[in-house]
């Protein structure tokens, strides 16, 4: 993406360039988050989380050890067998 510029008004407002609004899916009333990270300002649409954010929220101490991938179809078959075993 090419550099996009905005001008700060006397009231402290800026206009978000159209290309950025389209990429972020911003419309009137959209909320944006502003973060200072290592001396840089990062702006993102509020409510969108990265997979790393979600993983950290679910597993704050890290992913539990010993839980590997699961064969979903086999797990569903086993569940159905257990559930309907007495019928």
PDB file of N, CA and C in Angstrom:
ATOM      1  N   UNK A   1       0.839  -1.172   0.000  1.00  0.00           N
ATOM      2  CA  UNK A   1       0.000   0.000   0.000  1.00  0.00           C
ATOM      3  C   UNK A   1       0.884   1.234   0.000  1.00  0.00           C
ATOM      4  N   UNK A   2       0.477   2.231  -0.737  1.00  0.00           N
ATOM      5  CA  UNK A   2       1.187   3.504  -0.752  1.00  0.00           C
ATOM      6  C   UNK A   2       0.919   4.233   0.563  1.00  0.00           C
ATOM      7  N   UNK A   3       1.740   5.217   0.858  1.00  0.00           N
ATOM      8  CA  UNK A   3       1.564   5.999   2.071  1.00  0.00           C
ATOM      9  C   UNK A   3       0.276   6.806   1.984  1.00  0.00           C
ATOM     10  N   UNK A   4      -0.504   6.789   3.053  1.00  0.00           N
ATOM     11  CA  UNK A   4      -1.733   7.575   3.132  1.00  0.00           C
ATOM     12  C   UNK A   4      -1.530   8.645   4.195  1.00  0.00           C
ATOM     13  N   UNK A   5      -1.952   9.848   3.903  1.00  0.00           N
ATOM     14  CA  UNK A   5      -1.784  10.968   4.834  1.00  0.00           C
ATOM     15  C   UNK A   5      -3.129  11.469   5.319  1.00  0.00           C
ATOM     16  N   UNK A   6      -3.153  11.954   6.541  1.00  0.00           N
ATOM     17  CA  UNK A   6      -4.330  12.597   7.124  1.00  0.00           C
ATOM     18  C   UNK A   6      -3.871  13.867   7.809  1.00  0.00           C
ATOM     19  N   UNK A   7      -4.776  14.826   7.899  1.00  0.00           N
ATOM     20  CA  UNK A   7      -4.470  16.084   8.564  1.00  0.00           C
ATOM     21  C   UNK A   7      -5.267  16.159   9.867  1.00  0.00           C
ATOM     22  N   UNK A   8      -4.604  16.593  10.924  1.00  0.00           N
ATOM     23  CA  UNK A   8      -5.229  16.752  12.227  1.00  0.00           C
ATOM     24  C   UNK A   8      -5.923  18.107  12.280  1.00  0.00           C
ATOM     25  N   UNK A   9      -7.208  18.117  12.669  1.00  0.00           N
ATOM     26  CA  UNK A   9      -7.941  19.377  12.763  1.00  0.00           C
ATOM     27  C   UNK A   9      -7.687  20.033  14.120  1.00  0.00           C
ATOM     28  N   UNK A  10      -8.144  21.261  14.265  1.00  0.00           N
ATOM     29  CA  UNK A  10      -7.999  21.985  15.529  1.00  0.00           C
ATOM     30  C   UNK A  10      -8.760  21.287  16.658  1.00  0.00           C
ATOM     31  N   UNK A  11      -9.780  20.508  16.309  1.00  0.00           N
ATOM     32  CA  UNK A  11     -10.557  19.775  17.308  1.00  0.00           C
ATOM     33  C   UNK A  11      -9.948  18.406  17.623  1.00  0.00           C
ATOM     34  N   UNK A  12      -8.785  18.094  17.045  1.00  0.00           N
ATOM     35  CA  UNK A  12      -8.120  16.823  17.308  1.00  0.00           C
ATOM     36  C   UNK A  12      -8.671  15.666  16.496  1.00  0.00           C
ATOM     37  N   UNK A  13      -9.373  15.942  15.408  1.00  0.00           N
ATOM     38  CA  UNK A  13      -9.953  14.893  14.577  1.00  0.00           C
ATOM     39  C   UNK A  13      -9.101  14.646  13.343  1.00  0.00           C
ATOM     40  N   UNK A  14      -9.193  13.420  12.825  1.00  0.00           N
ATOM     41  CA  UNK A  14      -8.534  13.098  11.560  1.00  0.00           C
ATOM     42  C   UNK A  14      -9.546  12.416  10.654  1.00  0.00           C
ATOM     43  N   UNK A  15      -9.271  12.428   9.368  1.00  0.00           N
ATOM     44  CA  UNK A  15     -10.064  11.661   8.407  1.00  0.00           C
ATOM     45  C   UNK A  15      -9.272  10.417   8.053  1.00  0.00           C
ATOM     46  N   UNK A  16      -9.932   9.273   8.066  1.00  0.00           N
ATOM     47  CA  UNK A  16      -9.282   8.021   7.690  1.00  0.00           C
ATOM     48  C   UNK A  16      -9.390   7.899   6.174  1.00  0.00           C
ATOM     49  N   UNK A  17      -8.265   7.734   5.484  1.00  0.00           N
ATOM     50  CA  UNK A  17      -8.300   7.628   4.024  1.00  0.00           C
ATOM     51  C   UNK A  17      -9.234   6.505   3.554  1.00  0.00           C
ATOM     52  N   UNK A  18      -9.880   6.722   2.408  1.00  0.00           N
ATOM     53  CA  UNK A  18     -10.872   5.782   1.878  1.00  0.00           C
ATOM     54  C   UNK A  18     -10.306   4.374   1.715  1.00  0.00           C
ATOM     55  N   UNK A  19      -9.079   4.254   1.231  1.00  0.00           N
ATOM     56  CA  UNK A  19      -8.481   2.931   1.030  1.00  0.00           C
ATOM     57  C   UNK A  19      -8.360   2.181   2.355  1.00  0.00           C
ATOM     58  N   UNK A  20      -7.989   2.885   3.409  1.00  0.00           N
ATOM     59  CA  UNK A  20      -7.870   2.268   4.740  1.00  0.00           C
ATOM     60  C   UNK A  20      -9.250   1.876   5.260  1.00  0.00           C
ATOM     61  N   UNK A  21     -10.238   2.746   5.083  1.00  0.00           N
ATOM     62  CA  UNK A  21     -11.609   2.429   5.521  1.00  0.00           C
ATOM     63  C   UNK A  21     -12.109   1.159   4.843  1.00  0.00           C
ATOM     64  N   UNK A  22     -11.847   1.035   3.549  1.00  0.00           N
ATOM     65  CA  UNK A  22     -12.287  -0.165   2.820  1.00  0.00           C
ATOM     66  C   UNK A  22     -11.574  -1.411   3.339  1.00  0.00           C
ATOM     67  N   UNK A  23     -10.269  -1.325   3.520  1.00  0.00           N
ATOM     68  CA  UNK A  23      -9.503  -2.494   3.979  1.00  0.00           C
ATOM     69  C   UNK A  23      -9.926  -2.952   5.372  1.00  0.00           C
ATOM     70  N   UNK A  24     -10.243  -1.999   6.247  1.00  0.00           N
ATOM     71  CA  UNK A  24     -10.634  -2.339   7.616  1.00  0.00           C
ATOM     72  C   UNK A  24     -12.137  -2.539   7.773  1.00  0.00           C
ATOM     73  N   UNK A  25     -12.900  -2.252   6.720  1.00  0.00           N
ATOM     74  CA  UNK A  25     -14.350  -2.382   6.801  1.00  0.00           C
ATOM     75  C   UNK A  25     -14.973  -1.354   7.727  1.00  0.00           C
ATOM     76  N   UNK A  26     -14.426  -0.148   7.719  1.00  0.00           N
ATOM     77  CA  UNK A  26     -14.914   0.914   8.605  1.00  0.00           C
ATOM     78  C   UNK A  26     -16.032   1.701   7.943  1.00  0.00           C
ATOM     79  N   UNK A  27     -17.043   2.020   8.711  1.00  0.00           N
ATOM     80  CA  UNK A  27     -18.135   2.861   8.258  1.00  0.00           C
ATOM     81  C   UNK A  27     -18.440   3.882   9.332  1.00  0.00           C
ATOM     82  N   UNK A  28     -19.451   4.700   9.109  1.00  0.00           N
ATOM     83  CA  UNK A  28     -19.816   5.704  10.111  1.00  0.00           C
ATOM     84  C   UNK A  28     -20.111   5.049  11.466  1.00  0.00           C
ATOM     85  N   UNK A  29     -19.536   5.593  12.504  1.00  0.00           N
ATOM     86  CA  UNK A  29     -19.742   5.071  13.853  1.00  0.00           C
ATOM     87  C   UNK A  29     -18.806   3.937  14.241  1.00  0.00           C
ATOM     88  N   UNK A  30     -17.943   3.500  13.325  1.00  0.00           N
ATOM     89  CA  UNK A  30     -17.006   2.415  13.641  1.00  0.00           C
ATOM     90  C   UNK A  30     -16.037   2.872  14.729  1.00  0.00           C
ATOM     91  N   UNK A  31     -15.644   1.942  15.578  1.00  0.00           N
ATOM     92  CA  UNK A  31     -14.724   2.240  16.671  1.00  0.00           C
ATOM     93  C   UNK A  31     -13.349   1.686  16.306  1.00  0.00           C
ATOM     94  N   UNK A  32     -12.326   2.502  16.528  1.00  0.00           N
ATOM     95  CA  UNK A  32     -10.952   2.093  16.252  1.00  0.00           C
ATOM     96  C   UNK A  32     -10.168   2.122  17.550  1.00  0.00           C
ATOM     97  N   UNK A  33      -9.215   1.198  17.673  1.00  0.00           N
ATOM     98  CA  UNK A  33      -8.339   1.141  18.845  1.00  0.00           C
ATOM     99  C   UNK A  33      -6.983   1.715  18.472  1.00  0.00           C
ATOM    100  N   UNK A  34      -6.397   2.464  19.390  1.00  0.00           N
ATOM    101  CA  UNK A  34      -5.074   3.056  19.198  1.00  0.00           C
ATOM    102  C   UNK A  34      -4.158   2.469  20.252  1.00  0.00           C
ATOM    103  N   UNK A  35      -3.033   1.914  19.832  1.00  0.00           N
ATOM    104  CA  UNK A  35      -2.067   1.309  20.748  1.00  0.00           C
ATOM    105  C   UNK A  35      -0.687   1.886  20.478  1.00  0.00           C
ATOM    106  N   UNK A  36       0.079   2.106  21.552  1.00  0.00           N
ATOM    107  CA  UNK A  36       1.478   2.513  21.407  1.00  0.00           C
ATOM    108  C   UNK A  36       2.306   1.267  21.678  1.00  0.00           C
ATOM    109  N   UNK A  37       3.048   0.813  20.665  1.00  0.00           N
ATOM    110  CA  UNK A  37       3.864  -0.390  20.776  1.00  0.00           C
ATOM    111  C   UNK A  37       5.272  -0.055  20.312  1.00  0.00           C
ATOM    112  N   UNK A  38       6.227  -0.145  21.226  1.00  0.00           N
ATOM    113  CA  UNK A  38       7.639   0.119  20.910  1.00  0.00           C
ATOM    114  C   UNK A  38       7.832   1.456  20.198  1.00  0.00           C
ATOM    115  N   UNK A  39       7.169   2.491  20.675  1.00  0.00           N
ATOM    116  CA  UNK A  39       7.345   3.828  20.118  1.00  0.00           C
ATOM    117  C   UNK A  39       6.565   4.101  18.847  1.00  0.00           C
ATOM    118  N   UNK A  40       5.774   3.143  18.373  1.00  0.00           N
ATOM    119  CA  UNK A  40       4.954   3.347  17.182  1.00  0.00           C
ATOM    120  C   UNK A  40       3.488   3.268  17.566  1.00  0.00           C
ATOM    121  N   UNK A  41       2.647   3.992  16.842  1.00  0.00           N
ATOM    122  CA  UNK A  41       1.211   3.956  17.075  1.00  0.00           C
ATOM    123  C   UNK A  41       0.592   2.973  16.093  1.00  0.00           C
ATOM    124  N   UNK A  42      -0.181   2.033  16.628  1.00  0.00           N
ATOM    125  CA  UNK A  42      -0.875   1.040  15.810  1.00  0.00           C
ATOM    126  C   UNK A  42      -2.367   1.298  15.956  1.00  0.00           C
ATOM    127  N   UNK A  43      -3.051   1.424  14.827  1.00  0.00           N
ATOM    128  CA  UNK A  43      -4.495   1.657  14.823  1.00  0.00           C
ATOM    129  C   UNK A  43      -5.152   0.445  14.184  1.00  0.00           C
ATOM    130  N   UNK A  44      -6.181  -0.100  14.855  1.00  0.00           N
ATOM    131  CA  UNK A  44      -6.915  -1.211  14.266  1.00  0.00           C
ATOM    132  C   UNK A  44      -8.387  -1.092  14.612  1.00  0.00           C
ATOM    133  N   UNK A  45      -9.188  -1.766  13.848  1.00  0.00           N
ATOM    134  CA  UNK A  45     -10.626  -1.763  14.088  1.00  0.00           C
ATOM    135  C   UNK A  45     -10.893  -2.500  15.394  1.00  0.00           C
ATOM    136  N   UNK A  46     -11.689  -1.915  16.253  1.00  0.00           N
ATOM    137  CA  UNK A  46     -12.017  -2.537  17.536  1.00  0.00           C
ATOM    138  C   UNK A  46     -12.858  -3.782  17.296  1.00  0.00           C
ATOM    139  N   UNK A  47     -12.643  -4.778  18.138  1.00  0.00           N
ATOM    140  CA  UNK A  47     -13.448  -5.984  18.051  1.00  0.00           C
ATOM    141  C   UNK A  47     -12.851  -7.066  17.182  1.00  0.00           C
ATOM    142  N   UNK A  48     -11.791  -6.778  16.486  1.00  0.00           N
ATOM    143  CA  UNK A  48     -11.136  -7.803  15.684  1.00  0.00           C
ATOM    144  C   UNK A  48      -9.913  -8.273  16.446  1.00  0.00           C
ATOM    145  N   UNK A  49      -9.799  -9.559  16.562  1.00  0.00           N
ATOM    146  CA  UNK A  49      -8.697 -10.126  17.316  1.00  0.00           C
ATOM    147  C   UNK A  49      -7.887 -11.050  16.423  1.00  0.00           C
ATOM    148  N   UNK A  50      -6.606 -11.093  16.658  1.00  0.00           N
ATOM    149  CA  UNK A  50      -5.753 -12.018  15.930  1.00  0.00           C
ATOM    150  C   UNK A  50      -5.867 -13.393  16.579  1.00  0.00           C
ATOM    151  N   UNK A  51      -5.423 -14.411  15.876  1.00  0.00           N
ATOM    152  CA  UNK A  51      -5.449 -15.753  16.458  1.00  0.00           C
ATOM    153  C   UNK A  51      -4.553 -15.817  17.693  1.00  0.00           C
ATOM    154  N   UNK A  52      -3.480 -15.025  17.693  1.00  0.00           N
ATOM    155  CA  UNK A  52      -2.599 -14.980  18.869  1.00  0.00           C
ATOM    156  C   UNK A  52      -3.333 -14.377  20.067  1.00  0.00           C
ATOM    157  N   UNK A  53      -4.161 -13.344  19.847  1.00  0.00           N
ATOM    158  CA  UNK A  53      -4.952 -12.751  20.929  1.00  0.00           C
ATOM    159  C   UNK A  53      -5.911 -13.783  21.520  1.00  0.00           C
ATOM    160  N   UNK A  54      -6.591 -14.528  20.652  1.00  0.00           N
ATOM    161  CA  UNK A  54      -7.568 -15.521  21.104  1.00  0.00           C
ATOM    162  C   UNK A  54      -6.868 -16.657  21.845  1.00  0.00           C
ATOM    163  N   UNK A  55      -5.751 -17.118  21.298  1.00  0.00           N
ATOM    164  CA  UNK A  55      -4.991 -18.198  21.942  1.00  0.00           C
ATOM    165  C   UNK A  55      -4.535 -17.776  23.335  1.00  0.00           C
ATOM    166  N   UNK A  56      -4.055 -16.539  23.474  1.00  0.00           N
ATOM    167  CA  UNK A  56      -3.600 -16.027  24.766  1.00  0.00           C
ATOM    168  C   UNK A  56      -4.762 -15.932  25.750  1.00  0.00           C
ATOM    169  N   UNK A  57      -5.944 -15.551  25.262  1.00  0.00           N
ATOM    170  CA  UNK A  57      -7.110 -15.448  26.137  1.00  0.00           C
ATOM    171  C   UNK A  57      -7.573 -16.824  26.619  1.00  0.00           C
ATOM    172  N   UNK A  58      -7.502 -17.822  25.737  1.00  0.00           N
ATOM    173  CA  UNK A  58      -7.948 -19.167  26.096  1.00  0.00           C
ATOM    174  C   UNK A  58      -6.918 -19.888  26.960  1.00  0.00           C
ATOM    175  N   UNK A  59      -5.645 -19.727  26.616  1.00  0.00           N
ATOM    176  CA  UNK A  59      -4.565 -20.423  27.316  1.00  0.00           C
ATOM    177  C   UNK A  59      -3.558 -19.420  27.866  1.00  0.00           C
ATOM    178  N   UNK A  60      -3.898 -18.682  28.946  1.00  0.00           N
ATOM    179  CA  UNK A  60      -2.974 -17.663  29.451  1.00  0.00           C
ATOM    180  C   UNK A  60      -1.633 -18.234  29.933  1.00  0.00           C
ATOM    181  N   UNK A  61      -1.614 -19.494  30.383  1.00  0.00           N
ATOM    182  CA  UNK A  61      -0.355 -20.110  30.815  1.00  0.00           C
ATOM    183  C   UNK A  61       0.279 -20.954  29.711  1.00  0.00           C
ATOM    184  N   UNK A  62      -0.241 -20.890  28.523  1.00  0.00           N
ATOM    185  CA  UNK A  62       0.269 -21.698  27.415  1.00  0.00           C
ATOM    186  C   UNK A  62      -0.640 -22.886  27.143  1.00  0.00           C
ATOM    187  N   UNK A  63      -0.446 -23.506  26.009  1.00  0.00           N
ATOM    188  CA  UNK A  63      -1.270 -24.645  25.606  1.00  0.00           C
ATOM    189  C   UNK A  63      -0.977 -25.838  26.506  1.00  0.00           C
ATOM    190  N   UNK A  64      -2.018 -26.528  27.007  1.00  0.00           N
ATOM    191  CA  UNK A  64      -1.804 -27.693  27.864  1.00  0.00           C
ATOM    192  C   UNK A  64      -0.978 -28.759  27.147  1.00  0.00           C
ATOM    193  N   UNK A  65      -0.093 -29.400  27.898  1.00  0.00           N
ATOM    194  CA  UNK A  65       0.779 -30.433  27.343  1.00  0.00           C
ATOM    195  C   UNK A  65      -0.002 -31.740  27.230  1.00  0.00           C
ATOM    196  N   UNK A  66       0.290 -32.508  26.192  1.00  0.00           N
ATOM    197  CA  UNK A  66      -0.304 -33.822  26.050  1.00  0.00           C
ATOM    198  C   UNK A  66      -1.606 -33.849  25.287  1.00  0.00           C
ATOM    199  N   UNK A  67      -2.061 -32.725  24.810  1.00  0.00           N
ATOM    200  CA  UNK A  67      -3.278 -32.698  24.023  1.00  0.00           C
ATOM    201  C   UNK A  67      -2.909 -32.422  22.574  1.00  0.00           C
ATOM    202  N   UNK A  68      -2.955 -33.467  21.779  1.00  0.00           N
ATOM    203  CA  UNK A  68      -2.601 -33.338  20.377  1.00  0.00           C
ATOM    204  C   UNK A  68      -3.841 -33.207  19.513  1.00  0.00           C
ATOM    205  N   UNK A  69      -3.654 -33.318  18.214  1.00  0.00           N
ATOM    206  CA  UNK A  69      -4.782 -33.219  17.291  1.00  0.00           C
ATOM    207  C   UNK A  69      -5.786 -34.349  17.525  1.00  0.00           C
ATOM    208  N   UNK A  70      -7.039 -34.084  17.218  1.00  0.00           N
ATOM    209  CA  UNK A  70      -8.112 -35.052  17.416  1.00  0.00           C
ATOM    210  C   UNK A  70      -8.720 -35.385  16.060  1.00  0.00           C
ATOM    211  N   UNK A  71      -9.001 -36.673  15.835  1.00  0.00           N
ATOM    212  CA  UNK A  71      -9.717 -37.095  14.635  1.00  0.00           C
ATOM    213  C   UNK A  71     -11.195 -36.808  14.898  1.00  0.00           C
ATOM    214  N   UNK A  72     -11.702 -35.741  14.327  1.00  0.00           N
ATOM    215  CA  UNK A  72     -13.059 -35.273  14.608  1.00  0.00           C
ATOM    216  C   UNK A  72     -14.109 -36.316  14.253  1.00  0.00           C
ATOM    217  N   UNK A  73     -13.991 -36.936  13.085  1.00  0.00           N
ATOM    218  CA  UNK A  73     -14.987 -37.935  12.672  1.00  0.00           C
ATOM    219  C   UNK A  73     -15.013 -39.119  13.634  1.00  0.00           C
ATOM    220  N   UNK A  74     -13.848 -39.587  14.034  1.00  0.00           N
ATOM    221  CA  UNK A  74     -13.786 -40.712  14.970  1.00  0.00           C
ATOM    222  C   UNK A  74     -14.378 -40.316  16.317  1.00  0.00           C
ATOM    223  N   UNK A  75     -14.104 -39.105  16.771  1.00  0.00           N
ATOM    224  CA  UNK A  75     -14.646 -38.632  18.048  1.00  0.00           C
ATOM    225  C   UNK A  75     -16.165 -38.532  17.985  1.00  0.00           C
ATOM    226  N   UNK A  76     -16.715 -38.066  16.864  1.00  0.00           N
ATOM    227  CA  UNK A  76     -18.173 -37.972  16.712  1.00  0.00           C
ATOM    228  C   UNK A  76     -18.810 -39.361  16.679  1.00  0.00           C
ATOM    229  N   UNK A  77     -18.176 -40.312  15.974  1.00  0.00           N
ATOM    230  CA  UNK A  77     -18.700 -41.685  15.938  1.00  0.00           C
ATOM    231  C   UNK A  77     -18.720 -42.288  17.344  1.00  0.00           C
ATOM    232  N   UNK A  78     -17.641 -42.104  18.079  1.00  0.00           N
ATOM    233  CA  UNK A  78     -17.565 -42.649  19.439  1.00  0.00           C
ATOM    234  C   UNK A  78     -18.625 -42.017  20.333  1.00  0.00           C
ATOM    235  N   UNK A  79     -18.826 -40.725  20.202  1.00  0.00           N
ATOM    236  CA  UNK A  79     -19.844 -40.035  20.997  1.00  0.00           C
ATOM    237  C   UNK A  79     -21.232 -40.576  20.659  1.00  0.00           C
ATOM    238  N   UNK A  80     -21.518 -40.752  19.362  1.00  0.00           N
ATOM    239  CA  UNK A  80     -22.824 -41.262  18.944  1.00  0.00           C
ATOM    240  C   UNK A  80     -23.040 -42.679  19.468  1.00  0.00           C
ATOM    241  N   UNK A  81     -22.000 -43.524  19.427  1.00  0.00           N
ATOM    242  CA  UNK A  81     -22.115 -44.893  19.946  1.00  0.00           C
ATOM    243  C   UNK A  81     -22.438 -44.883  21.440  1.00  0.00           C
ATOM    244  N   UNK A  82     -21.718 -44.045  22.194  1.00  0.00           N
ATOM    245  CA  UNK A  82     -21.966 -43.969  23.644  1.00  0.00           C
ATOM    246  C   UNK A  82     -23.369 -43.451  23.932  1.00  0.00           C
ATOM    247  N   UNK A  83     -23.780 -42.443  23.207  1.00  0.00           N
ATOM    248  CA  UNK A  83     -25.074 -41.814  23.468  1.00  0.00           C
ATOM    249  C   UNK A  83     -26.233 -42.753  23.138  1.00  0.00           C
ATOM    250  N   UNK A  84     -26.085 -43.538  22.068  1.00  0.00           N
ATOM    251  CA  UNK A  84     -27.188 -44.385  21.609  1.00  0.00           C
ATOM    252  C   UNK A  84     -26.968 -45.861  21.932  1.00  0.00           C
ATOM    253  N   UNK A  85     -26.052 -46.178  22.821  1.00  0.00           N
ATOM    254  CA  UNK A  85     -25.710 -47.570  23.129  1.00  0.00           C
ATOM    255  C   UNK A  85     -26.868 -48.330  23.767  1.00  0.00           C
ATOM    256  N   UNK A  86     -27.663 -47.688  24.586  1.00  0.00           N
ATOM    257  CA  UNK A  86     -28.734 -48.380  25.301  1.00  0.00           C
ATOM    258  C   UNK A  86     -30.040 -48.447  24.538  1.00  0.00           C
ATOM    259  N   UNK A  87     -30.066 -47.995  23.331  1.00  0.00           N
ATOM    260  CA  UNK A  87     -31.337 -47.964  22.582  1.00  0.00           C
ATOM    261  C   UNK A  87     -31.498 -49.139  21.685  1.00  0.00           C
TER     262      UNK A  87
END
